[in-house]
Each structure stands twice: as structure tokens, then as C-alpha cells.
Amino acid sequence: MSSSIVPESFLGLLTAFEPCFCAPSFRNFVTLVTGWVHCLGRRTVTAVAVAAGAVGQRHISVFHRFFARAQWALDDLGQVLFRLAVAWIPADQPLFVVIDDTLCRKSGKSICLASMHHDPLLSTARKPFFRFGHVWVVLALWVPLPMSARRGFALPILFRLYRGTKRGGQDAAPSRPSRGPRLCRAQAAHTEGERPTKLELARDLLALVAGWAGARPVYAVADSLYAGRALLEGRPATVHVISRLRMDAALWAPAPPRRPGQTGRPRRRGMRLPAPTALARRCRRWRPTSVTVYGRAISTTVFPCRALWYTALRDHPVRVVIVRDPSGKRAEEAFFCTDPTGTPAFILEAYARRWTLEVTFHDAKQFLGLEDPQGQTPAAVRRTAPLALIVYALVLLWYADQFHRQRPVCWLPRPWYRTKTAPSFLDMLTALRRAGWRQYLSQPPWSPRRLQNPAIPWHESLLATA
């Protein structure tokens, strides 16, 4: 029954992942994805198998072994997702990838690979808070899907578990030898006693995407936490980074050319330039610019310049854009791009795409149980939670295809949202559930009185419950 409670169009999307598995593992993958879509409670492996209708067909240990011991790699699934998502991006446009990390809070003594991490939601500027759990470094591809092309969506495709620099947490190895998944270079270093940093994990993910993209330019958008030397100097040649710049960053002029007959080591940098704070204070002529951020057109003023941020990138100068709010409600901010040809509007609009990954984390935790799996072996931990993000991307791709074909995938009516024009992720997930259960449900008989006061059927409300 597991494959029959999702529509054929969704099964066709899952068929693209068949080369990543052997035949039994692929059947388990389809069952788990189906159960993940229809599960209405906590997304534990057992609950997902029950929601898929697999009880009595296969033993529950089969699905646990799928995460703990089966031969498949997350990066292979990410490559398939990349190919499916790139089809929605025009070939003459560059690729935008968003990099960020999220904390999945855990509780219990048997959770493997968990440790204490900084909790950004509970922390304040005066008092930091820490929580026990897993931190995932995620790379997502920004895609202008047709249901909201101006704002776009962040489709997660690659994942790495960040362990932290301090020893601690549940480091216990599995009780019996496991063949486990193939590890990336950074994860292999961890197995030898070294723990990679977030920047090193992000650099490893960027290298994979650059290889898949070929000669196509890739712009990586990340927060200021990832604007460091480990990422900027070690990135592939076709990758440019756009991020926020500290207002007290040490900027330098590019190195002057060597004079004829000059001896000695060539200079790496020129004279010291004022910090962005001082540049904003001294600037008297701000350039008005119109940009589209978060789906809205706004007007702001910018001051672009070219400087060498020697602390993080010693090879070539970066394009710096200082932004001032004309209304004076927000403080000045600075952004940079390693592409010297980037315009201020391009840099600001590209950085605004970073927020779509925050929306992805929120929806994956709220509606797909990203924090729910309780893995007790290293391989299971590294595989189970990312499956929730893969299901998130699959739901978006399925809904975009139905929307593009102008098929009836409307969301449930909510009269209190009078200006709603685009579906939320819960609406898309509900549409997928409805499409799968439509063959099992019949329309109730309508009387003239009910036609005057139509009500939402009970099964519609049930399927909309997350």
C-alpha cells in the first residue's frame, strides 16, 4: 500500500533516485518517503513506516537498517536533486546556492554524535544559551519555482553534520562493524581524530556543487559566519561568495604595480583604507538604487567601492557595498562579493535570497519533523534527519510541476486570509496528501441546503493537519 498512497506523478519523481540504491533499498526509500509525507505525528522511523502502511509487509528492523547499514550515499541523492532543480533555472542565468546551519535539539542519553551547541533562538546579546543536539551545515539551491518565482525557494541538496571543536557528547561507535556510507574528505578527517569546522564543511559542499555545475558560474550566499579564509581562499574557480562584511573590517588598497628595476619581494597589499564605518561617515554622495528583496521592490542608497580584505582573502580585491537606509531607521550595513563585476543591486538581491533557507529550516522542523529522529548509531544519525530536507525538496518540485501543468492543486480555502495569493509549504504538502488519497475517498452526497453553506469535508481537515 505504501506506493499507492502517493500519486503516480510523485512516484515518477522518485524514480530518478533509483540508480542511487540497490533494488531492495530503493523500495525501502520509496516507502520511507511516502510515510514521511503522510505521517502526522513525530517522524521517528517506526512512525514513518506505520504511516506508509508497511506494517505486516516487512519487519520494522528493515527500515532501521536502511539508515544504519545499507549501501547508499547522501551526496548521490543530492546530485539527483541538483539535476531536478536546475531544470527550473534558465540556462543563461548563474546558479545561486545558500549555505547556513541549523540546530536540531535533542534529549536523551543514547543520542549518538550529539553535543552542546550555541542556540541562536534563545540567546541574547547579553546572555548566550546552549542546547544539546545536532548542528547541520546545509547547502541549498535557490530555485525560482513558478508558484512564487520572485521570492524563490531554497531546495536543500547537500548536508554535513558539524560536531564542534570540543570533545564530548555521544561518540560511541556501533556495537558491531558496519559497512556504512561513503564519507567525504572532511568526514574522513573526523574519523581519524580531526573535527572539521563549519567553513571546511561548507567548502567541501561548494566543491561538489561546482563539479556538478561545470563551467556555469555559481554564487554562494552565506552569513558573515562563513566569510572566512577557509572558505574564500579554498573555493573553486567558478564559485563567487556573497556575504555580509563587518563594519570594522580592515580594508586595504590593492597592491601597487612594481616599478621598473624594483627589487625585493612584491607587495601583497597597498595602503590601509578606512573601515566601512568610517567610509559611511565620510561619504557625502550616496547613490540611490532600487532593488527587489523578499519579493518586494524597495529604494535605498549605496556606496560601492573596491578594496582588499586581506584578513580573509589575500589573492584579489572584493566588491564592497555599504548600504544606508534613507529613512534612518536602520544602521548602515556592508556587504561584499568576490566577483569584482557585481553591481550593488545584484549583490543586495543575491544576499536577500539567504532568507529562503531560513524558511526551509522552519518548515522542515514544523511540518516534516527535522528534529524528531533519534538515531543511536553514527550512520543512522548522518542519514535520517537529512531525509526530512530531501522530502521537503521533493514536495516543492512535485507541486511546481503540477502548477506548471495547470493541474488542480489548489489549497484549502481559508476566508480569513483575504489577500493570500501564493501557497505555503503546508498547502503544498496537503495537496500531495489529497492527491494520494483521492482514489480511496469519494465525494459525499450534496443536498441543496449544503450547497448553500458548503463546509470543508472531514478528510480535508485531517490531511491538512501537520
Protein backbone atom coordinates (compact mmCIF):
# COMPACT_ATOMS: atom_id res chain seq x y z
CA MET A 1 0.00 0.00 0.00
CA SER A 2 2.93 2.35 0.60
CA SER A 3 3.46 3.27 -3.03
CA SER A 4 -0.28 3.64 -3.70
CA ILE A 5 -0.98 6.45 -1.22
CA VAL A 6 1.05 8.91 -3.28
CA PRO A 7 0.11 9.94 -6.82
CA GLU A 8 1.82 8.48 -9.85
CA SER A 9 3.35 11.86 -10.65
CA PHE A 10 5.19 11.80 -7.31
CA LEU A 11 6.33 8.21 -7.86
CA GLY A 12 7.75 9.29 -11.20
CA LEU A 13 9.81 11.89 -9.35
CA LEU A 14 11.16 9.22 -7.01
CA THR A 15 12.16 7.03 -9.95
CA ALA A 16 15.03 9.42 -10.68
CA PHE A 17 16.72 8.19 -7.46
CA GLU A 18 16.65 4.51 -8.44
CA PRO A 19 20.32 4.42 -9.63
CA CYS A 20 21.42 5.53 -6.12
CA PHE A 21 20.19 2.29 -4.49
CA CYS A 22 20.04 -1.42 -4.99
CA ALA A 23 16.57 -2.82 -5.63
CA PRO A 24 15.60 -3.63 -2.00
CA SER A 25 16.96 -0.31 -0.70
CA PHE A 26 15.08 1.63 -3.35
CA ARG A 27 11.80 0.00 -2.27
CA ASN A 28 12.58 0.98 1.31
CA PHE A 29 13.42 4.52 0.18
CA VAL A 30 10.06 4.88 -1.58
CA THR A 31 8.25 3.51 1.47
CA LEU A 32 10.02 5.87 3.87
CA VAL A 33 9.46 8.95 1.69
CA THR A 34 5.79 8.02 1.36
CA GLY A 35 5.46 7.58 5.10
CA TRP A 36 7.31 10.82 5.76
CA VAL A 37 4.75 12.67 3.65
CA HIS A 38 1.71 11.12 5.35
CA CYS A 39 2.97 10.91 8.93
CA LEU A 40 1.04 13.32 11.15
CA GLY A 41 2.97 12.81 14.38
CA ARG A 42 6.64 12.63 15.34
CA ARG A 43 8.77 11.44 12.44
CA THR A 44 10.51 8.51 14.07
CA VAL A 45 11.49 5.64 11.79
CA THR A 46 8.80 3.43 13.29
CA ALA A 47 6.09 6.08 12.97
CA VAL A 48 7.07 6.75 9.35
CA ALA A 49 6.86 3.04 8.49
CA VAL A 50 3.43 2.82 10.13
CA ALA A 51 2.19 5.89 8.22
CA ALA A 52 3.36 4.30 4.96
CA GLY A 53 1.22 1.21 5.60
CA ALA A 54 4.26 -1.08 5.68
CA VAL A 55 3.27 -2.87 8.89
CA GLY A 56 2.90 -6.57 8.18
CA GLN A 57 4.75 -6.35 4.85
CA ARG A 58 8.31 -6.06 6.13
CA HIS A 59 9.87 -6.22 9.56
CA ILE A 60 10.46 -2.86 11.20
CA SER A 61 14.18 -3.59 11.52
CA VAL A 62 14.46 -3.41 7.72
CA PHE A 63 13.82 0.34 7.81
CA HIS A 64 16.22 0.90 10.70
CA ARG A 65 18.94 -0.97 8.81
CA PHE A 66 18.23 1.22 5.77
CA PHE A 67 19.72 4.15 7.69
CA ALA A 68 22.30 2.30 9.78
CA ARG A 69 23.85 -0.23 7.40
CA ALA A 70 22.56 -0.02 3.81
CA GLN A 71 24.93 0.91 0.98
CA TRP A 72 23.92 4.35 -0.30
CA ALA A 73 25.29 7.90 -0.08
CA LEU A 74 23.55 11.18 0.65
CA ASP A 75 25.73 13.01 -1.87
CA ASP A 76 24.34 10.81 -4.65
CA LEU A 77 20.80 11.83 -3.68
CA GLY A 78 21.94 15.45 -3.64
CA GLN A 79 23.27 15.15 -7.17
CA VAL A 80 19.93 13.82 -8.40
CA LEU A 81 18.10 16.65 -6.61
CA PHE A 82 20.52 19.11 -8.20
CA ARG A 83 19.68 17.85 -11.69
CA LEU A 84 15.94 18.00 -11.00
CA ALA A 85 16.14 21.53 -9.57
CA VAL A 86 18.48 23.00 -12.21
CA ALA A 87 15.85 22.24 -14.85
CA TRP A 88 13.78 25.12 -13.40
CA ILE A 89 16.62 27.66 -13.74
CA PRO A 90 17.19 29.31 -17.16
CA ALA A 91 20.42 28.14 -18.77
CA ASP A 92 21.69 31.69 -19.29
CA GLN A 93 21.49 32.58 -15.59
CA PRO A 94 24.05 31.78 -12.88
CA LEU A 95 23.32 29.40 -10.03
CA PHE A 96 22.73 30.73 -6.53
CA VAL A 97 23.41 28.42 -3.59
CA VAL A 98 22.68 29.29 0.03
CA ILE A 99 24.78 27.95 2.90
CA ASP A 100 23.75 28.02 6.53
CA ASP A 101 23.48 25.75 9.56
CA THR A 102 20.64 24.86 11.89
CA LEU A 103 20.42 23.31 15.35
CA CYS A 104 18.26 20.22 15.85
CA ARG A 105 17.61 19.97 19.57
CA LYS A 106 17.77 16.51 21.15
CA SER A 107 17.13 14.93 24.52
CA GLY A 108 18.19 11.56 25.86
CA LYS A 109 21.40 9.77 26.80
CA SER A 110 21.54 7.40 23.82
CA ILE A 111 21.59 10.01 21.03
CA CYS A 112 24.76 9.47 19.03
CA LEU A 113 27.10 12.24 17.83
CA ALA A 114 25.25 14.93 19.82
CA SER A 115 26.91 17.63 21.88
CA MET A 116 26.30 21.11 23.32
CA HIS A 117 25.87 23.89 20.77
CA HIS A 118 25.00 27.56 20.84
CA ASP A 119 21.24 28.12 20.50
CA PRO A 120 20.66 31.30 18.46
CA LEU A 121 16.91 31.37 19.15
CA LEU A 122 17.23 31.51 22.93
CA SER A 123 20.45 33.52 23.14
CA THR A 124 20.57 37.27 23.53
CA ALA A 125 23.35 39.80 23.13
CA ARG A 126 23.99 39.70 26.88
CA LYS A 127 23.44 36.04 27.72
CA PRO A 128 24.16 33.08 25.43
CA PHE A 129 22.28 29.80 25.74
CA PHE A 130 23.41 26.32 24.75
CA ARG A 131 21.40 23.25 23.86
CA PHE A 132 22.17 19.58 23.39
CA GLY A 133 21.68 18.34 19.84
CA HIS A 134 22.96 18.16 16.26
CA VAL A 135 24.06 21.04 14.05
CA TRP A 136 23.64 20.52 10.30
CA VAL A 137 25.52 22.53 7.69
CA VAL A 138 23.19 22.64 4.70
CA LEU A 139 23.74 23.78 1.12
CA ALA A 140 20.56 24.65 -0.75
CA LEU A 141 19.98 25.65 -4.36
CA TRP A 142 17.86 28.75 -4.86
CA VAL A 143 15.21 28.00 -7.49
CA PRO A 144 12.54 30.39 -8.87
CA LEU A 145 9.69 27.88 -8.86
CA PRO A 146 6.55 29.06 -10.69
CA MET A 147 4.24 29.32 -7.64
CA SER A 148 6.41 32.15 -6.25
CA ALA A 149 9.12 32.95 -8.79
CA ARG A 150 10.00 36.42 -7.46
CA ARG A 151 10.75 35.21 -3.95
CA GLY A 152 12.04 31.76 -4.87
CA PHE A 153 12.67 28.68 -2.76
CA ALA A 154 15.78 27.13 -1.22
CA LEU A 155 15.92 23.42 -2.08
CA PRO A 156 18.36 21.63 0.27
CA ILE A 157 20.60 19.22 -1.61
CA LEU A 158 23.77 18.64 0.48
CA PHE A 159 24.22 18.08 4.23
CA ARG A 160 27.06 17.72 6.72
CA LEU A 161 26.93 17.11 10.47
CA TYR A 162 29.01 19.61 12.45
CA ARG A 163 30.48 18.09 15.60
CA GLY A 164 32.15 21.10 17.20
CA THR A 165 35.76 21.58 18.20
CA LYS A 166 35.43 20.31 21.78
CA ARG A 167 35.43 16.63 22.61
CA GLY A 168 32.29 15.35 24.25
CA GLY A 169 28.83 14.03 23.52
CA GLN A 170 27.94 10.55 22.41
CA ASP A 171 30.98 9.37 20.44
CA ALA A 172 30.32 5.69 20.92
CA ALA A 173 30.89 3.54 17.87
CA PRO A 174 28.29 1.00 16.77
CA SER A 175 28.31 -2.23 18.74
CA ARG A 176 29.15 -4.32 15.65
CA PRO A 177 31.05 -3.41 12.50
CA SER A 178 29.03 -1.62 9.85
CA ARG A 179 29.88 -1.04 6.25
CA GLY A 180 28.19 2.37 6.44
CA PRO A 181 28.01 5.16 3.82
CA ARG A 182 30.86 6.63 1.84
CA LEU A 183 32.38 9.61 3.62
CA CYS A 184 33.52 12.91 2.20
CA ARG A 185 37.04 14.21 2.70
CA ALA A 186 36.08 16.34 5.72
CA GLN A 187 34.17 13.49 7.36
CA ALA A 188 37.07 11.11 6.73
CA ALA A 189 39.32 13.51 8.61
CA HIS A 190 36.90 13.33 11.53
CA THR A 191 37.21 9.56 11.68
CA GLU A 192 40.95 9.99 12.12
CA GLY A 193 40.52 12.27 15.14
CA GLU A 194 40.12 15.70 13.49
CA ARG A 195 36.84 17.58 13.50
CA PRO A 196 36.27 19.89 10.54
CA THR A 197 34.97 23.39 11.10
CA LYS A 198 31.80 24.76 9.57
CA LEU A 199 33.81 26.62 6.94
CA GLU A 200 35.66 23.46 5.94
CA LEU A 201 32.39 21.56 5.63
CA ALA A 202 30.90 24.38 3.53
CA ARG A 203 33.98 24.38 1.29
CA ASP A 204 33.55 20.65 0.73
CA LEU A 205 29.91 21.16 -0.27
CA LEU A 206 30.81 24.01 -2.63
CA ALA A 207 33.40 21.84 -4.34
CA LEU A 208 30.75 19.19 -5.06
CA VAL A 209 28.28 21.69 -6.50
CA ALA A 210 30.98 23.35 -8.62
CA GLY A 211 31.83 19.96 -10.12
CA TRP A 212 28.17 19.29 -10.95
CA ALA A 213 27.66 22.76 -12.44
CA GLY A 214 30.66 22.51 -14.78
CA ALA A 215 31.58 25.86 -16.33
CA ARG A 216 28.37 27.53 -15.10
CA PRO A 217 29.09 30.32 -12.57
CA VAL A 218 27.94 29.66 -9.01
CA TYR A 219 27.29 32.37 -6.42
CA ALA A 220 27.38 31.16 -2.82
CA VAL A 221 25.36 33.27 -0.41
CA ALA A 222 26.19 32.86 3.27
CA ASP A 223 26.07 34.70 6.56
CA SER A 224 29.08 36.53 7.96
CA LEU A 225 29.97 33.43 9.99
CA TYR A 226 31.10 31.72 6.76
CA ALA A 227 33.00 34.73 5.41
CA GLY A 228 36.41 33.40 6.41
CA ARG A 229 39.70 32.47 4.82
CA ALA A 230 39.00 28.72 4.90
CA LEU A 231 36.03 29.20 2.57
CA LEU A 232 37.05 32.22 0.49
CA GLU A 233 40.55 31.13 -0.43
CA GLY A 234 39.80 27.43 -0.89
CA ARG A 235 36.75 27.79 -3.14
CA PRO A 236 36.68 26.56 -6.76
CA ALA A 237 37.47 29.00 -9.55
CA THR A 238 33.87 29.17 -10.82
CA VAL A 239 32.43 29.99 -7.39
CA HIS A 240 31.94 33.52 -6.04
CA VAL A 241 30.91 34.30 -2.47
CA ILE A 242 28.42 36.99 -1.38
CA SER A 243 28.15 37.74 2.31
CA ARG A 244 27.93 40.42 4.95
CA LEU A 245 31.04 42.42 5.84
CA ARG A 246 31.90 43.57 9.33
CA MET A 247 31.61 47.33 9.74
CA ASP A 248 35.01 47.36 11.45
CA ALA A 249 36.72 45.17 8.83
CA ALA A 250 40.34 46.03 8.00
CA LEU A 251 40.41 47.07 4.35
CA TRP A 252 43.42 47.77 2.19
CA ALA A 253 44.06 49.16 -1.25
CA PRO A 254 45.24 46.67 -3.90
CA ALA A 255 48.98 46.21 -4.18
CA PRO A 256 50.58 48.84 -6.44
CA PRO A 257 52.37 47.64 -9.60
CA ARG A 258 56.12 47.12 -9.39
CA ARG A 259 58.28 49.91 -10.69
CA PRO A 260 60.94 49.16 -13.29
CA GLY A 261 64.09 47.93 -11.62
CA GLN A 262 62.43 47.46 -8.23
CA THR A 263 63.86 44.54 -6.25
CA GLY A 264 62.66 42.57 -3.27
CA ARG A 265 59.50 40.63 -2.59
CA PRO A 266 56.39 42.00 -4.33
CA ARG A 267 53.91 43.80 -2.12
CA ARG A 268 50.75 41.91 -1.21
CA ARG A 269 48.65 44.97 -0.32
CA GLY A 270 48.64 48.73 -0.64
CA MET A 271 47.84 51.48 1.82
CA ARG A 272 45.36 51.00 4.64
CA LEU A 273 41.81 52.17 3.90
CA PRO A 274 39.20 53.36 6.39
CA ALA A 275 36.84 50.75 7.85
CA PRO A 276 33.30 50.60 6.42
CA THR A 277 32.05 52.59 9.42
CA ALA A 278 34.46 55.42 8.63
CA LEU A 279 33.70 55.21 4.92
CA ALA A 280 29.98 55.59 5.60
CA ARG A 281 30.65 58.56 7.89
CA ARG A 282 32.84 60.32 5.34
CA CYS A 283 30.66 59.65 2.29
CA ARG A 284 28.67 62.67 1.12
CA ARG A 285 27.30 61.38 -2.17
CA TRP A 286 25.19 58.24 -1.80
CA ARG A 287 23.89 56.53 -4.92
CA PRO A 288 20.10 55.83 -4.97
CA THR A 289 19.33 52.25 -6.01
CA SER A 290 16.14 50.25 -6.48
CA VAL A 291 16.32 46.58 -5.53
CA THR A 292 13.85 43.70 -5.20
CA VAL A 293 14.30 41.85 -1.92
CA TYR A 294 11.96 39.31 -0.31
CA GLY A 295 9.61 39.73 -3.26
CA ARG A 296 9.19 43.50 -2.76
CA ALA A 297 10.70 46.47 -4.60
CA ILE A 298 12.39 48.98 -2.28
CA SER A 299 14.60 52.04 -2.71
CA THR A 300 17.83 52.51 -0.81
CA THR A 301 21.15 54.33 -1.09
CA VAL A 302 24.51 52.64 -1.56
CA PHE A 303 28.20 53.48 -1.67
CA PRO A 304 30.19 50.92 -3.70
CA CYS A 305 33.95 50.62 -3.58
CA ARG A 306 36.72 48.14 -4.34
CA ALA A 307 39.09 47.04 -1.59
CA LEU A 308 41.33 44.22 -0.46
CA TRP A 309 40.06 42.34 2.59
CA TYR A 310 43.45 40.91 3.38
CA THR A 311 42.39 39.14 6.57
CA ALA A 312 40.05 36.77 4.74
CA LEU A 313 41.09 36.90 1.08
CA ARG A 314 44.67 37.73 0.12
CA ASP A 315 44.50 36.92 -3.61
CA HIS A 316 42.35 39.64 -5.16
CA PRO A 317 40.14 42.60 -4.11
CA VAL A 318 36.44 42.28 -3.39
CA ARG A 319 33.49 44.45 -4.31
CA VAL A 320 32.20 46.23 -1.18
CA VAL A 321 28.73 47.80 -0.98
CA ILE A 322 27.80 49.99 2.01
CA VAL A 323 24.04 50.45 2.40
CA ARG A 324 22.28 53.31 4.18
CA ASP A 325 18.56 53.38 4.89
CA PRO A 326 17.13 56.68 3.55
CA SER A 327 14.60 56.78 6.41
CA GLY A 328 17.33 56.41 9.01
CA LYS A 329 15.54 53.58 10.85
CA ARG A 330 18.30 51.03 10.21
CA ALA A 331 22.00 51.34 10.79
CA GLU A 332 24.46 51.20 7.91
CA GLU A 333 25.39 47.73 6.69
CA ALA A 334 28.16 46.46 4.43
CA PHE A 335 28.21 43.53 2.01
CA PHE A 336 30.88 42.13 -0.26
CA CYS A 337 31.20 39.96 -3.34
CA THR A 338 34.31 38.22 -4.64
CA ASP A 339 33.15 38.98 -8.20
CA PRO A 340 34.50 42.48 -8.97
CA THR A 341 31.92 42.95 -11.75
CA GLY A 342 28.90 42.59 -9.44
CA THR A 343 26.65 45.63 -9.28
CA PRO A 344 25.24 46.88 -5.93
CA ALA A 345 21.70 45.81 -6.88
CA PHE A 346 22.91 42.34 -7.87
CA ILE A 347 24.80 41.88 -4.58
CA LEU A 348 21.90 43.03 -2.39
CA GLU A 349 19.30 40.97 -4.23
CA ALA A 350 21.53 37.91 -4.10
CA TYR A 351 22.14 38.25 -0.36
CA ALA A 352 18.39 38.59 0.28
CA ARG A 353 17.96 35.06 -1.10
CA ARG A 354 19.64 33.76 2.06
CA TRP A 355 16.36 34.18 3.94
CA THR A 356 14.72 31.44 1.87
CA LEU A 357 16.90 28.85 3.63
CA GLU A 358 15.66 30.09 7.00
CA VAL A 359 12.12 29.46 5.72
CA THR A 360 13.22 25.97 4.67
CA PHE A 361 14.53 25.20 8.16
CA HIS A 362 11.33 26.47 9.76
CA ASP A 363 9.01 24.46 7.50
CA ALA A 364 11.12 21.30 7.74
CA LYS A 365 11.05 21.43 11.54
CA GLN A 366 7.42 22.46 11.80
CA PHE A 367 5.81 20.18 9.21
CA LEU A 368 8.33 17.39 8.45
CA GLY A 369 9.88 16.68 11.85
CA LEU A 370 13.50 17.57 11.13
CA GLU A 371 14.29 17.39 14.86
CA ASP A 372 12.36 14.17 15.55
CA PRO A 373 14.65 11.25 14.53
CA GLN A 374 16.54 9.71 17.46
CA GLY A 375 19.49 7.94 15.84
CA GLN A 376 21.74 5.81 18.04
CA THR A 377 24.46 4.90 15.52
CA PRO A 378 26.71 7.33 13.58
CA ALA A 379 25.48 6.23 10.16
CA ALA A 380 21.81 6.49 11.17
CA VAL A 381 22.33 10.00 12.59
CA ARG A 382 24.03 11.25 9.43
CA ARG A 383 21.23 9.92 7.21
CA THR A 384 17.87 10.09 8.98
CA ALA A 385 17.44 13.83 9.61
CA PRO A 386 18.59 14.87 6.09
CA LEU A 387 15.82 12.71 4.64
CA ALA A 388 13.32 15.25 6.02
CA LEU A 389 15.02 18.00 4.00
CA ILE A 390 15.07 15.77 0.90
CA VAL A 391 11.32 15.20 1.30
CA TYR A 392 10.89 18.98 1.59
CA ALA A 393 12.63 19.49 -1.75
CA LEU A 394 10.61 16.69 -3.38
CA VAL A 395 7.29 18.20 -2.27
CA LEU A 396 8.28 21.57 -3.77
CA LEU A 397 9.39 20.00 -7.05
CA TRP A 398 6.20 17.94 -7.32
CA TYR A 399 3.95 20.94 -6.64
CA ALA A 400 5.90 23.11 -9.10
CA ASP A 401 5.39 20.50 -11.83
CA GLN A 402 1.65 20.30 -11.12
CA PHE A 403 1.39 24.09 -11.01
CA HIS A 404 3.28 24.40 -14.28
CA ARG A 405 0.96 21.89 -15.98
CA GLN A 406 -2.05 23.86 -14.63
CA ARG A 407 -3.45 20.87 -12.83
CA PRO A 408 -5.93 21.35 -9.95
CA VAL A 409 -3.64 21.63 -6.92
CA CYS A 410 -5.43 24.44 -5.11
CA TRP A 411 -5.11 24.78 -1.36
CA LEU A 412 -7.90 24.62 1.20
CA PRO A 413 -9.95 27.84 1.40
CA ARG A 414 -9.24 29.99 4.42
CA PRO A 415 -11.58 33.00 4.42
CA TRP A 416 -9.53 34.90 7.00
CA TYR A 417 -6.61 35.15 4.53
CA ARG A 418 -8.23 37.59 2.13
CA THR A 419 -5.08 38.66 0.29
CA LYS A 420 -3.35 35.29 0.03
CA THR A 421 -2.04 34.71 -3.50
CA ALA A 422 0.65 32.03 -3.11
CA PRO A 423 0.53 28.65 -1.36
CA SER A 424 2.50 27.92 1.77
CA PHE A 425 4.50 24.73 2.21
CA LEU A 426 1.70 23.24 4.32
CA ASP A 427 -0.69 23.88 1.43
CA MET A 428 1.65 22.04 -0.95
CA LEU A 429 2.07 19.14 1.47
CA THR A 430 -1.70 18.91 1.92
CA ALA A 431 -2.19 18.93 -1.86
CA LEU A 432 0.19 15.99 -2.17
CA ARG A 433 -1.64 14.08 0.54
CA ARG A 434 -5.01 14.79 -1.09
CA ALA A 435 -3.75 13.62 -4.48
CA GLY A 436 -2.61 10.34 -2.94
CA TRP A 437 -5.81 9.64 -1.02
CA ARG A 438 -8.21 10.77 -3.76
CA GLN A 439 -8.58 7.22 -5.12
CA TYR A 440 -9.73 5.95 -1.72
CA LEU A 441 -12.20 8.76 -0.89
CA SER A 442 -15.50 9.51 -2.59
CA GLN A 443 -17.35 12.80 -2.60
CA PRO A 444 -20.19 12.93 -0.04
CA PRO A 445 -23.72 13.46 -1.38
CA TRP A 446 -24.64 17.12 -1.63
CA SER A 447 -28.07 18.38 -0.70
CA PRO A 448 -29.42 21.79 -1.81
CA ARG A 449 -29.09 23.05 1.74
CA ARG A 450 -25.42 22.02 1.95
CA LEU A 451 -24.72 23.67 -1.38
CA GLN A 452 -25.80 26.98 0.11
CA ASN A 453 -23.43 26.57 3.08
CA PRO A 454 -20.54 24.42 1.82
CA ALA A 455 -18.25 23.05 4.51
CA ILE A 456 -14.82 21.50 4.26
CA PRO A 457 -15.12 17.68 4.37
CA TRP A 458 -13.66 15.96 7.40
CA HIS A 459 -10.91 14.22 5.42
CA GLU A 460 -9.72 17.56 4.01
CA SER A 461 -9.20 18.92 7.52
CA LEU A 462 -7.50 15.70 8.61
CA LEU A 463 -4.99 15.73 5.74
CA ALA A 464 -4.19 19.40 6.42
CA THR A 465 -3.08 18.58 9.97
CA ALA A 466 0.70 18.65 10.31
